[in-house]
Amino acid sequence: MDESNNTLKSSSITSGENVSFWIDSAPIISFEKPDQDIQTEVLIIGGGIAGLTTAYKLLKAGKKVVLVEDGFIGSGETGRTTAHLTCALDDRYFFLEETFGEENAKLAAESHVAAIDEIENIVTSLNIDCSFKRVNGYLFLHPTDKEENLDKEFQATQKAGLQTSVLEEIPALANAEKQRCIVFNNQAQFHILNYLKGLADAIVSLGGIIYTEAHAEDINKKGAKVNGFTFSADYIVVATNTPINDVLTMHTKQHAYRTYVIGAKIPKGQLPYSLWWDTGDQESKWVSQPYHYVRLENYDDEYDLLISGGEDHKTGQADEEGISEFERYERLEAWTRNYFPMPDDISYRWSGQVMEPVDSLGFMGKNPGDDNIYIITGDSGNGMTHTTIGAMIICDSIMGIKNKWEDLYSPSRITLKTTGDFIKEASNMASQYLDWIKGSDLKNTADLPAGEGAILSSGLNKIAVYRDYDNALKAFSAVCPHLGCIVQWNNDEKSFDCPCHGSRFDAEGIVINGPAETDLSKIHIK
């Protein structure tokens, strides 16, 4: 394995300008690029936790596996997580009970508990040094939420068979006197990139093949084109955060959100290793009702890193609330300091992309209409456990075993009880096409500062422009190659983001988040 490369694209290392703590504190995990056509049993597209866990489980079951990753291992959304391992889902259990019924809510709880156990078993059996710890998690009310909802949630978690209890105060939080919380016992946390390193090593030792900087396109039931080479397989698993093999079906069932994270050093011993979450803004304009989530991670011998996230908005739509990306970090910092006043300076700021299903459960299994193409997507705020569940379901399916969670997470399911949320999200998506008739962000390219981008109108054309730090101007079609929305400039991560389905492109026009498979078209302008 090669852990260094002098000619790295920025978009290969991580899907944004800002580097997460995980990527900053672990070596780049890279392998050879493809150099020939390949024939295998299972082709896995995506080198995050979903793809690697699926590869590892299938190899253990005796399958031949080839995995391809567009960037490097963990360079997608896995490397931008906060790595909570929890069965406290970001949508309430009483909502799951109302939507799917008591038995299915119980299955959802059971599957996430099993996923944490599965990760712990992998860490133990492979002896992975990734700071895995069992911790408690504490769910408390957002100021807009009602006390009765905490009681409803506690009762629903009990019915679902979870180890929960109610406390009259929230452990270790400042300014939270007499605020009750639900304790979720036996949750966990880890260093995600170190975990992926252990999985990657195990995959190779089991005879699996991993390619990095390997861009897959033209995905079909026979395989895919990877860097121009033909990769053929009996089974294809698309584990790319959002499916890149699907034009429309899955993108009406889930929607892309940006979520923001800060990391601040605090002296060791000031806080216990724990997970904390609030219940989310009940008055938010967003269907997902964004919430805050906090945890601690080992930093060095003297310090821990307090990692806090939240302030979500739909991808490409920060302007819908009139709150810039930079203001979102400020709001997150203010919220964090209210409850955790001990940090001095903020050491890390980054954002990530979350796929939010309208009915709150992920989509893991056969792609609708396909017999041998599988997807793992819709991870909501629980990507570490959702993807592990997905790997377990898909491994069983390929091995001809009926998994008891398969139907619950089926990508083909239709949930009629969430029709209202579906209509709201679909209306929001449709309204983004009005960007075709909106004016420019910019009148003249001469006004564009170095390090910034904008959308320019030229007749009927929409042009995405970026001026690099050498003062050179780059120009591309602003039309997303997926389904024709107009991309928007994200000045925080220095990317062009599609407000319809969440595709993202770096400042060079290179695709860094699906569902788009191809880059923005280059344009020559004066």
Protein backbone atom coordinates (compact mmCIF):
# COMPACT_ATOMS: atom_id res chain seq x y z
CA MET A 1 0.00 0.00 0.00
CA ASP A 2 1.22 3.43 -0.93
CA GLU A 3 0.48 6.06 1.73
CA SER A 4 1.94 9.06 -0.08
CA ASN A 5 1.56 10.65 -3.49
CA ASN A 6 3.13 13.87 -4.71
CA THR A 7 0.56 14.58 -7.43
CA LEU A 8 -2.69 14.38 -5.46
CA LYS A 9 -5.83 16.18 -6.63
CA SER A 10 -7.45 18.10 -3.76
CA SER A 11 -10.72 16.34 -4.56
CA SER A 12 -9.00 12.94 -4.15
CA ILE A 13 -7.98 13.57 -0.54
CA THR A 14 -11.37 14.79 0.71
CA SER A 15 -14.62 16.08 -0.76
CA GLY A 16 -14.14 19.71 0.24
CA GLU A 17 -11.65 22.48 0.94
CA ASN A 18 -11.74 21.94 4.71
CA VAL A 19 -9.89 18.95 6.15
CA SER A 20 -11.56 16.96 8.92
CA PHE A 21 -9.74 15.88 12.08
CA TRP A 22 -9.84 12.25 10.89
CA ILE A 23 -8.09 13.00 7.62
CA ASP A 24 -5.63 15.33 9.34
CA SER A 25 -4.66 12.70 11.92
CA ALA A 26 -4.24 9.64 9.66
CA PRO A 27 -2.05 8.85 6.63
CA ILE A 28 -3.63 8.82 3.17
CA ILE A 29 -4.68 5.25 2.34
CA SER A 30 -3.98 4.69 -1.35
CA PHE A 31 -3.54 1.74 -3.70
CA GLU A 32 -2.66 1.26 -7.36
CA LYS A 33 -4.73 2.84 -10.14
CA PRO A 34 -6.46 0.47 -12.59
CA ASP A 35 -4.25 -0.59 -15.50
CA GLN A 36 -6.23 -3.41 -17.14
CA ASP A 37 -9.68 -4.92 -17.69
CA ILE A 38 -10.93 -6.92 -14.69
CA GLN A 39 -13.27 -9.89 -14.24
CA THR A 40 -14.48 -10.66 -10.70
CA GLU A 41 -17.46 -12.00 -8.74
CA VAL A 42 -18.31 -8.77 -6.89
CA LEU A 43 -17.43 -5.22 -7.93
CA ILE A 44 -17.80 -2.67 -5.12
CA ILE A 45 -17.84 1.00 -6.04
CA GLY A 46 -16.93 3.25 -3.11
CA GLY A 47 -14.08 3.14 -0.59
CA GLY A 48 -15.82 4.40 2.54
CA ILE A 49 -17.14 2.40 5.48
CA ALA A 50 -20.03 0.99 3.38
CA GLY A 51 -17.83 -0.38 0.61
CA LEU A 52 -15.02 -1.65 2.82
CA THR A 53 -17.33 -3.39 5.29
CA THR A 54 -19.21 -5.08 2.43
CA ALA A 55 -15.95 -6.16 0.79
CA TYR A 56 -14.58 -7.56 4.05
CA LYS A 57 -17.74 -9.56 4.81
CA LEU A 58 -18.01 -10.97 1.28
CA LEU A 59 -14.34 -11.98 1.24
CA LYS A 60 -14.83 -13.74 4.59
CA ALA A 61 -17.79 -15.55 2.99
CA GLY A 62 -15.55 -16.78 0.15
CA LYS A 63 -16.37 -14.35 -2.69
CA LYS A 64 -13.82 -12.75 -5.03
CA VAL A 65 -14.03 -8.98 -4.61
CA VAL A 66 -12.63 -5.91 -6.37
CA LEU A 67 -13.25 -2.48 -4.83
CA VAL A 68 -12.76 0.82 -6.67
CA GLU A 69 -12.64 4.28 -5.07
CA ASP A 70 -12.74 7.54 -7.01
CA GLY A 71 -10.36 9.26 -4.56
CA PHE A 72 -8.56 7.58 -1.67
CA ILE A 73 -9.93 5.33 1.07
CA GLY A 74 -12.28 7.41 3.26
CA SER A 75 -11.94 10.52 1.09
CA GLY A 76 -15.70 10.77 0.60
CA GLU A 77 -18.28 11.41 3.30
CA THR A 78 -16.92 8.69 5.63
CA GLY A 79 -13.88 10.89 6.28
CA ARG A 80 -16.14 13.86 7.10
CA THR A 81 -18.36 12.15 9.68
CA THR A 82 -18.27 12.68 13.45
CA ALA A 83 -18.22 8.87 13.89
CA HIS A 84 -20.98 8.34 16.46
CA LEU A 85 -21.88 4.65 16.84
CA THR A 86 -25.39 4.69 18.17
CA CYS A 87 -28.85 3.19 18.13
CA ALA A 88 -30.27 6.63 19.08
CA LEU A 89 -31.52 7.46 15.59
CA ASP A 90 -31.82 11.03 14.39
CA ASP A 91 -35.54 10.50 13.80
CA ARG A 92 -37.45 9.54 16.90
CA TYR A 93 -38.51 5.97 17.69
CA PHE A 94 -42.07 7.15 18.27
CA PHE A 95 -42.02 8.41 14.66
CA LEU A 96 -40.69 5.04 13.45
CA GLU A 97 -43.40 3.29 15.44
CA GLU A 98 -46.13 5.47 13.91
CA THR A 99 -44.68 5.06 10.40
CA PHE A 100 -43.59 1.43 10.29
CA GLY A 101 -45.35 -0.18 13.27
CA GLU A 102 -44.06 -1.46 16.62
CA GLU A 103 -42.42 -4.62 15.28
CA ASN A 104 -40.46 -2.75 12.61
CA ALA A 105 -39.36 -0.07 15.09
CA LYS A 106 -38.05 -2.95 17.20
CA LEU A 107 -36.22 -4.37 14.15
CA ALA A 108 -34.65 -0.95 13.45
CA ALA A 109 -33.39 -0.73 17.04
CA GLU A 110 -32.10 -4.31 16.94
CA SER A 111 -30.25 -3.72 13.66
CA HIS A 112 -28.35 -0.68 14.96
CA VAL A 113 -27.43 -2.46 18.20
CA ALA A 114 -26.18 -5.36 16.06
CA ALA A 115 -24.18 -2.97 13.85
CA ILE A 116 -22.32 -1.56 16.86
CA ASP A 117 -21.59 -5.13 18.01
CA GLU A 118 -20.42 -6.02 14.49
CA ILE A 119 -17.98 -3.09 14.42
CA GLU A 120 -16.68 -4.03 17.87
CA ASN A 121 -16.21 -7.65 16.73
CA ILE A 122 -14.29 -6.51 13.63
CA VAL A 123 -12.09 -4.19 15.74
CA THR A 124 -11.36 -7.03 18.18
CA SER A 125 -10.80 -9.83 15.65
CA LEU A 126 -8.53 -7.68 13.43
CA ASN A 127 -6.90 -5.95 16.41
CA ILE A 128 -7.55 -2.50 14.86
CA ASP A 129 -6.06 0.41 16.81
CA CYS A 130 -8.90 2.92 16.30
CA SER A 131 -9.74 4.16 19.84
CA PHE A 132 -12.97 2.13 19.94
CA LYS A 133 -14.82 2.85 23.19
CA ARG A 134 -18.20 1.94 24.63
CA VAL A 135 -19.85 5.11 25.94
CA ASN A 136 -23.23 6.42 27.06
CA GLY A 137 -25.31 8.71 24.85
CA TYR A 138 -27.63 11.47 26.12
CA LEU A 139 -30.64 12.79 24.19
CA PHE A 140 -32.09 16.09 25.44
CA LEU A 141 -34.74 18.52 24.25
CA HIS A 142 -34.10 21.31 21.76
CA PRO A 143 -35.68 24.54 23.12
CA THR A 144 -38.43 24.26 20.46
CA ASP A 145 -39.40 20.72 21.52
CA LYS A 146 -41.95 19.64 24.15
CA GLU A 147 -41.34 17.74 27.38
CA GLU A 148 -44.04 15.23 26.45
CA ASN A 149 -41.99 14.22 23.38
CA LEU A 150 -39.10 13.12 25.61
CA ASP A 151 -41.51 10.87 27.52
CA LYS A 152 -42.98 9.55 24.25
CA GLU A 153 -39.49 8.78 22.97
CA PHE A 154 -38.48 7.03 26.19
CA GLN A 155 -41.57 4.82 26.04
CA ALA A 156 -40.93 4.05 22.35
CA THR A 157 -37.30 3.09 23.02
CA GLN A 158 -38.42 0.78 25.80
CA LYS A 159 -40.95 -0.91 23.51
CA ALA A 160 -38.21 -1.24 20.89
CA GLY A 161 -36.11 -3.18 23.41
CA LEU A 162 -33.33 -0.62 23.96
CA GLN A 163 -31.33 -0.10 27.17
CA THR A 164 -32.56 3.40 28.08
CA SER A 165 -33.45 5.36 31.19
CA VAL A 166 -34.41 8.94 32.07
CA LEU A 167 -32.15 11.29 34.06
CA GLU A 168 -33.29 14.53 35.67
CA GLU A 169 -30.07 16.30 34.59
CA ILE A 170 -27.76 15.98 31.59
CA PRO A 171 -24.31 14.73 32.64
CA ALA A 172 -21.39 17.17 32.05
CA LEU A 173 -23.46 19.92 30.38
CA ALA A 174 -23.26 23.52 31.60
CA ASN A 175 -26.38 25.72 31.64
CA ALA A 176 -28.64 22.68 31.61
CA GLU A 177 -29.92 22.60 35.19
CA LYS A 178 -33.10 20.57 35.63
CA GLN A 179 -33.03 19.56 31.95
CA ARG A 180 -34.01 15.93 31.61
CA CYS A 181 -32.47 13.51 29.13
CA ILE A 182 -32.77 9.94 27.91
CA VAL A 183 -29.66 7.82 28.48
CA PHE A 184 -28.81 5.33 25.75
CA ASN A 185 -26.47 2.82 27.35
CA ASN A 186 -23.69 0.93 25.61
CA GLN A 187 -23.21 3.19 22.58
CA ALA A 188 -19.72 3.60 21.09
CA GLN A 189 -17.23 5.78 19.22
CA PHE A 190 -14.03 5.28 17.22
CA HIS A 191 -11.48 6.90 14.91
CA ILE A 192 -13.07 6.19 11.54
CA LEU A 193 -9.97 6.51 9.30
CA ASN A 194 -7.93 4.18 11.53
CA TYR A 195 -10.84 1.70 11.39
CA LEU A 196 -10.86 1.89 7.57
CA LYS A 197 -7.09 1.31 7.51
CA GLY A 198 -7.60 -1.93 9.47
CA LEU A 199 -10.42 -3.02 7.15
CA ALA A 200 -8.39 -2.21 4.01
CA ASP A 201 -5.42 -4.25 5.28
CA ALA A 202 -7.75 -7.17 6.05
CA ILE A 203 -9.34 -7.00 2.59
CA VAL A 204 -5.95 -7.24 0.90
CA SER A 205 -4.80 -10.07 3.19
CA LEU A 206 -7.98 -12.01 2.28
CA GLY A 207 -7.17 -11.69 -1.44
CA GLY A 208 -9.37 -8.70 -2.25
CA ILE A 209 -8.16 -6.06 -4.71
CA ILE A 210 -8.52 -2.31 -4.04
CA TYR A 211 -7.97 0.42 -6.61
CA THR A 212 -7.88 4.12 -5.70
CA GLU A 213 -8.13 7.17 -7.97
CA ALA A 214 -10.40 4.83 -9.95
CA HIS A 215 -13.44 6.61 -11.38
CA ALA A 216 -16.42 4.35 -12.18
CA GLU A 217 -19.06 5.29 -14.74
CA ASP A 218 -21.52 3.58 -17.10
CA ILE A 219 -22.56 1.28 -14.23
CA ASN A 220 -24.84 -1.54 -15.39
CA LYS A 221 -25.73 -5.15 -14.57
CA LYS A 222 -22.51 -6.38 -16.25
CA GLY A 223 -20.14 -4.05 -14.36
CA ALA A 224 -18.73 -0.59 -15.08
CA LYS A 225 -16.11 1.39 -16.92
CA VAL A 226 -13.31 2.32 -14.49
CA ASN A 227 -10.71 4.81 -15.76
CA GLY A 228 -11.62 3.57 -19.25
CA PHE A 229 -11.10 -0.12 -18.43
CA THR A 230 -13.92 -2.70 -18.46
CA PHE A 231 -14.64 -4.12 -14.99
CA SER A 232 -17.02 -7.10 -15.27
CA ALA A 233 -18.75 -8.74 -12.30
CA ASP A 234 -21.65 -10.99 -11.34
CA TYR A 235 -22.73 -8.56 -8.62
CA ILE A 236 -22.25 -4.79 -8.36
CA VAL A 237 -22.49 -2.86 -5.08
CA VAL A 238 -22.77 0.93 -5.34
CA ALA A 239 -21.60 2.29 -1.97
CA THR A 240 -21.06 5.95 -2.85
CA ASN A 241 -23.18 7.83 -0.26
CA THR A 242 -25.74 8.55 -2.99
CA PRO A 243 -26.28 6.17 -5.92
CA ILE A 244 -24.53 7.20 -9.13
CA ASN A 245 -26.21 4.44 -11.17
CA ASP A 246 -29.72 5.85 -10.73
CA VAL A 247 -31.14 8.73 -12.76
CA LEU A 248 -34.23 9.51 -10.71
CA THR A 249 -35.87 6.76 -8.60
CA MET A 250 -33.85 7.08 -5.37
CA HIS A 251 -33.55 10.86 -5.63
CA THR A 252 -37.26 11.30 -5.02
CA LYS A 253 -36.96 9.22 -1.83
CA GLN A 254 -34.04 11.06 -0.19
CA HIS A 255 -32.49 14.52 -0.20
CA ALA A 256 -28.98 15.87 0.33
CA TYR A 257 -28.13 18.14 3.29
CA ARG A 258 -24.92 19.89 4.32
CA THR A 259 -24.01 19.58 8.00
CA TYR A 260 -21.31 21.58 9.81
CA VAL A 261 -18.68 20.44 12.32
CA ILE A 262 -16.21 22.17 14.64
CA GLY A 263 -13.43 20.59 16.70
CA ALA A 264 -11.84 22.23 19.75
CA LYS A 265 -9.08 20.97 22.06
CA ILE A 266 -9.85 20.68 25.78
CA PRO A 267 -7.55 19.44 28.57
CA LYS A 268 -7.98 15.75 29.29
CA GLY A 269 -10.31 14.86 32.13
CA GLN A 270 -12.62 17.89 31.77
CA LEU A 271 -15.34 15.84 30.07
CA PRO A 272 -16.24 12.15 30.07
CA TYR A 273 -16.15 10.27 26.76
CA SER A 274 -19.83 10.40 25.83
CA LEU A 275 -22.26 11.23 23.04
CA TRP A 276 -24.77 14.08 23.32
CA TRP A 277 -27.62 15.08 20.98
CA ASP A 278 -30.52 17.50 21.11
CA THR A 279 -33.86 16.56 19.54
CA GLY A 280 -33.70 19.09 16.69
CA ASP A 281 -35.34 22.33 15.70
CA GLN A 282 -39.09 21.62 15.50
CA GLU A 283 -39.66 25.02 13.84
CA SER A 284 -37.06 24.57 11.09
CA LYS A 285 -38.08 25.19 7.48
CA TRP A 286 -36.25 21.96 6.61
CA VAL A 287 -38.11 18.64 6.70
CA SER A 288 -35.10 17.03 8.44
CA GLN A 289 -35.42 19.30 11.54
CA PRO A 290 -31.63 19.72 12.05
CA TYR A 291 -30.20 18.82 15.43
CA HIS A 292 -26.86 19.20 17.26
CA TYR A 293 -24.54 16.28 18.04
CA VAL A 294 -21.42 16.24 20.20
CA ARG A 295 -18.71 13.80 21.25
CA LEU A 296 -15.14 13.64 22.53
CA GLU A 297 -12.13 12.07 20.79
CA ASN A 298 -8.60 11.45 22.01
CA TYR A 299 -6.26 14.12 20.57
CA ASP A 300 -2.87 13.59 22.29
CA ASP A 301 -1.45 12.94 25.76
CA GLU A 302 -2.63 16.32 27.07
CA TYR A 303 -5.81 17.06 25.15
CA ASP A 304 -9.08 15.61 23.93
CA LEU A 305 -10.93 17.04 20.94
CA LEU A 306 -14.51 18.16 21.50
CA ILE A 307 -16.33 17.54 18.18
CA SER A 308 -19.67 19.31 17.69
CA GLY A 309 -21.94 19.29 14.65
CA GLY A 310 -25.21 20.68 13.34
CA GLU A 311 -26.73 23.77 11.63
CA ASP A 312 -27.75 21.71 8.58
CA HIS A 313 -29.37 23.00 5.40
CA LYS A 314 -30.21 21.46 2.05
CA THR A 315 -27.18 21.20 -0.21
CA GLY A 316 -26.78 24.24 -2.45
CA GLN A 317 -29.44 26.14 -0.49
CA ALA A 318 -27.62 27.96 2.33
CA ASP A 319 -29.08 31.21 0.98
CA GLU A 320 -32.68 29.97 1.53
CA GLU A 321 -32.42 31.01 5.19
CA GLY A 322 -30.13 34.00 4.58
CA ILE A 323 -27.43 32.36 6.73
CA SER A 324 -24.02 31.96 5.09
CA GLU A 325 -21.81 28.90 5.58
CA PHE A 326 -19.45 30.95 7.77
CA GLU A 327 -22.32 32.16 9.95
CA ARG A 328 -23.35 28.55 10.46
CA TYR A 329 -19.96 27.78 12.04
CA GLU A 330 -20.42 30.84 14.28
CA ARG A 331 -23.89 29.69 15.35
CA LEU A 332 -22.56 26.17 16.00
CA GLU A 333 -19.70 27.55 18.08
CA ALA A 334 -22.08 29.72 20.14
CA TRP A 335 -24.40 26.76 20.76
CA THR A 336 -21.44 24.54 21.73
CA ARG A 337 -19.89 27.08 24.11
CA ASN A 338 -23.22 27.49 25.90
CA TYR A 339 -23.19 23.81 26.92
CA PHE A 340 -19.44 23.17 26.82
CA PRO A 341 -17.66 26.42 27.83
CA MET A 342 -14.16 24.92 28.27
CA PRO A 343 -12.66 25.17 24.70
CA ASP A 344 -10.25 28.00 23.82
CA ASP A 345 -9.68 28.14 20.07
CA ILE A 346 -11.49 26.16 17.41
CA SER A 347 -8.93 23.86 15.75
CA TYR A 348 -11.09 22.33 13.00
CA ARG A 349 -14.01 23.38 10.85
CA TRP A 350 -15.48 21.18 8.13
CA SER A 351 -18.79 20.17 6.62
CA GLY A 352 -20.20 16.91 5.33
CA GLN A 353 -23.05 15.64 3.19
CA VAL A 354 -25.94 13.66 4.64
CA MET A 355 -28.63 11.87 2.63
CA GLU A 356 -31.98 12.20 4.42
CA PRO A 357 -34.67 9.65 3.45
CA VAL A 358 -38.22 11.02 3.68
CA ASP A 359 -39.27 8.11 5.92
CA SER A 360 -36.05 8.25 8.03
CA LEU A 361 -34.64 4.75 7.36
CA GLY A 362 -31.75 4.05 5.00
CA PHE A 363 -31.94 2.21 1.69
CA MET A 364 -29.77 -0.91 1.62
CA GLY A 365 -30.28 -3.81 -0.75
CA LYS A 366 -31.17 -4.42 -4.39
CA ASN A 367 -31.44 -1.30 -6.51
CA PRO A 368 -35.09 -0.93 -7.67
CA GLY A 369 -35.52 -2.88 -10.92
CA ASP A 370 -32.18 -4.71 -10.71
CA ASP A 371 -31.40 -8.28 -9.64
CA ASN A 372 -27.63 -7.99 -9.25
CA ILE A 373 -26.99 -4.30 -8.49
CA TYR A 374 -27.06 -3.31 -4.82
CA ILE A 375 -27.00 0.12 -3.17
CA ILE A 376 -26.24 1.52 0.29
CA THR A 377 -27.58 5.04 0.75
CA GLY A 378 -29.93 7.20 2.84
CA ASP A 379 -27.75 7.02 5.92
CA SER A 380 -29.44 10.01 7.58
CA GLY A 381 -27.35 10.97 10.65
CA ASN A 382 -26.36 7.39 11.41
CA GLY A 383 -23.94 6.52 8.62
CA MET A 384 -21.56 4.36 10.64
CA THR A 385 -24.26 1.92 11.76
CA HIS A 386 -26.54 2.20 8.69
CA THR A 387 -23.72 1.27 6.34
CA THR A 388 -22.69 -1.65 8.54
CA ILE A 389 -26.29 -2.91 8.49
CA GLY A 390 -26.24 -2.48 4.71
CA ALA A 391 -23.08 -4.58 4.42
CA MET A 392 -24.70 -7.33 6.51
CA ILE A 393 -27.89 -7.31 4.39
CA ILE A 394 -26.06 -7.29 1.04
CA CYS A 395 -23.58 -9.98 2.05
CA ASP A 396 -26.47 -12.23 3.08
CA SER A 397 -28.38 -11.49 -0.14
CA ILE A 398 -25.41 -12.31 -2.40
CA MET A 399 -24.82 -15.50 -0.40
CA GLY A 400 -28.50 -16.48 -0.86
CA ILE A 401 -29.48 -15.90 2.78
CA LYS A 402 -32.70 -14.04 3.71
CA ASN A 403 -31.77 -11.27 6.16
CA LYS A 404 -34.44 -10.35 8.72
CA TRP A 405 -33.85 -6.60 8.17
CA GLU A 406 -33.90 -6.83 4.36
CA ASP A 407 -37.51 -5.76 3.83
CA LEU A 408 -37.36 -2.91 6.37
CA TYR A 409 -34.45 -1.24 4.53
CA SER A 410 -35.49 -2.25 0.99
CA PRO A 411 -34.75 0.52 -1.56
CA SER A 412 -38.01 -0.46 -3.33
CA ARG A 413 -40.26 0.29 -0.35
CA ILE A 414 -42.95 2.97 -0.51
CA THR A 415 -44.00 4.57 2.79
CA LEU A 416 -47.42 6.20 2.35
CA LYS A 417 -47.47 7.70 5.85
CA THR A 418 -44.70 10.16 4.93
CA THR A 419 -46.46 11.53 1.82
CA GLY A 420 -46.61 15.05 3.32
CA ASP A 421 -42.83 15.24 3.79
CA PHE A 422 -42.35 13.70 0.34
CA ILE A 423 -44.44 16.47 -1.26
CA LYS A 424 -42.57 19.22 0.65
CA GLU A 425 -39.18 17.89 -0.44
CA ALA A 426 -40.34 17.34 -4.05
CA SER A 427 -41.71 20.92 -4.20
CA ASN A 428 -38.42 22.27 -2.87
CA MET A 429 -36.51 20.27 -5.48
CA ALA A 430 -38.74 21.45 -8.34
CA SER A 431 -38.44 25.10 -7.27
CA GLN A 432 -34.65 24.95 -7.75
CA TYR A 433 -35.12 24.84 -11.52
CA LEU A 434 -36.22 28.48 -11.28
CA ASP A 435 -32.48 29.26 -11.00
CA TRP A 436 -32.50 29.06 -14.82
CA ILE A 437 -34.32 32.42 -14.92
CA LYS A 438 -32.62 34.09 -11.96
CA GLY A 439 -30.02 36.80 -12.50
CA SER A 440 -26.27 36.39 -12.08
CA ASP A 441 -24.34 36.31 -8.81
CA LEU A 442 -21.78 38.37 -10.69
CA LYS A 443 -21.91 41.09 -13.36
CA ASN A 444 -18.29 40.98 -14.46
CA THR A 445 -15.57 38.36 -13.94
CA ALA A 446 -13.12 41.17 -13.15
CA ASP A 447 -15.02 41.63 -9.87
CA LEU A 448 -14.38 38.04 -8.74
CA PRO A 449 -11.76 37.85 -5.95
CA ALA A 450 -9.10 35.12 -5.91
CA GLY A 451 -10.28 31.94 -4.19
CA GLU A 452 -13.96 32.56 -4.92
CA GLY A 453 -16.53 31.37 -7.44
CA ALA A 454 -19.89 32.56 -8.76
CA ILE A 455 -22.61 31.89 -11.33
CA LEU A 456 -22.66 34.15 -14.38
CA SER A 457 -25.46 34.58 -16.95
CA SER A 458 -24.47 34.92 -20.59
CA GLY A 459 -27.56 35.08 -22.76
CA LEU A 460 -29.40 31.83 -22.13
CA ASN A 461 -26.29 30.18 -20.72
CA LYS A 462 -25.34 29.80 -17.06
CA ILE A 463 -21.60 29.72 -16.41
CA ALA A 464 -19.81 28.64 -13.23
CA VAL A 465 -16.62 30.68 -12.79
CA TYR A 466 -13.78 30.39 -10.28
CA ARG A 467 -10.66 32.51 -9.87
CA ASP A 468 -7.76 30.57 -8.38
CA TYR A 469 -5.07 31.99 -6.10
CA ASP A 470 -2.77 32.50 -9.11
CA ASN A 471 -5.49 34.81 -10.49
CA ALA A 472 -6.33 32.40 -13.34
CA LEU A 473 -10.02 32.22 -14.25
CA LYS A 474 -11.69 28.80 -14.65
CA ALA A 475 -15.10 28.51 -16.32
CA PHE A 476 -17.57 25.64 -16.68
CA SER A 477 -21.17 25.07 -17.61
CA ALA A 478 -23.22 25.70 -14.45
CA VAL A 479 -25.68 22.99 -15.54
CA CYS A 480 -25.40 19.88 -13.36
CA PRO A 481 -24.85 16.91 -15.71
CA HIS A 482 -27.19 14.76 -13.60
CA LEU A 483 -30.61 16.35 -14.28
CA GLY A 484 -29.91 19.90 -15.41
CA CYS A 485 -30.18 22.01 -12.24
CA ILE A 486 -28.01 25.13 -11.92
CA VAL A 487 -25.19 24.63 -9.42
CA GLN A 488 -24.49 27.15 -6.65
CA TRP A 489 -21.13 28.29 -5.26
CA ASN A 490 -20.21 27.02 -1.78
CA ASN A 491 -17.63 29.50 -0.51
CA ASP A 492 -16.82 27.40 2.57
CA GLU A 493 -15.81 24.14 0.87
CA LYS A 494 -14.90 25.91 -2.43
CA SER A 495 -17.26 23.77 -4.47
CA PHE A 496 -20.16 24.11 -6.89
CA ASP A 497 -23.15 22.35 -5.29
CA CYS A 498 -26.35 21.22 -7.01
CA PRO A 499 -29.44 22.32 -5.03
CA CYS A 500 -31.67 19.64 -6.59
CA HIS A 501 -30.01 16.29 -5.86
CA GLY A 502 -26.78 17.17 -4.03
CA SER A 503 -24.12 16.57 -6.70
CA ARG A 504 -20.97 18.56 -5.96
CA PHE A 505 -18.00 19.65 -8.06
CA ASP A 506 -14.70 21.10 -6.88
CA ALA A 507 -13.27 24.41 -8.06
CA GLU A 508 -11.76 22.58 -11.06
CA GLY A 509 -15.24 21.32 -12.06
CA ILE A 510 -14.39 17.74 -11.01
CA VAL A 511 -17.30 15.74 -9.58
CA ILE A 512 -16.81 15.00 -5.86
CA ASN A 513 -20.34 13.91 -4.82
CA GLY A 514 -22.89 11.96 -6.87
CA PRO A 515 -25.42 11.36 -8.25
CA ALA A 516 -23.61 13.08 -11.15
CA GLU A 517 -21.03 10.76 -12.73
CA THR A 518 -19.26 13.31 -14.92
CA ASP A 519 -17.48 16.64 -14.41
CA LEU A 520 -18.84 20.07 -15.29
CA SER A 521 -18.16 20.89 -18.95
CA LYS A 522 -15.28 23.33 -19.41
CA ILE A 523 -15.95 26.62 -21.17
CA HIS A 524 -13.41 29.06 -22.64
CA ILE A 525 -14.30 32.65 -21.82
CA LYS A 526 -12.44 35.92 -22.28
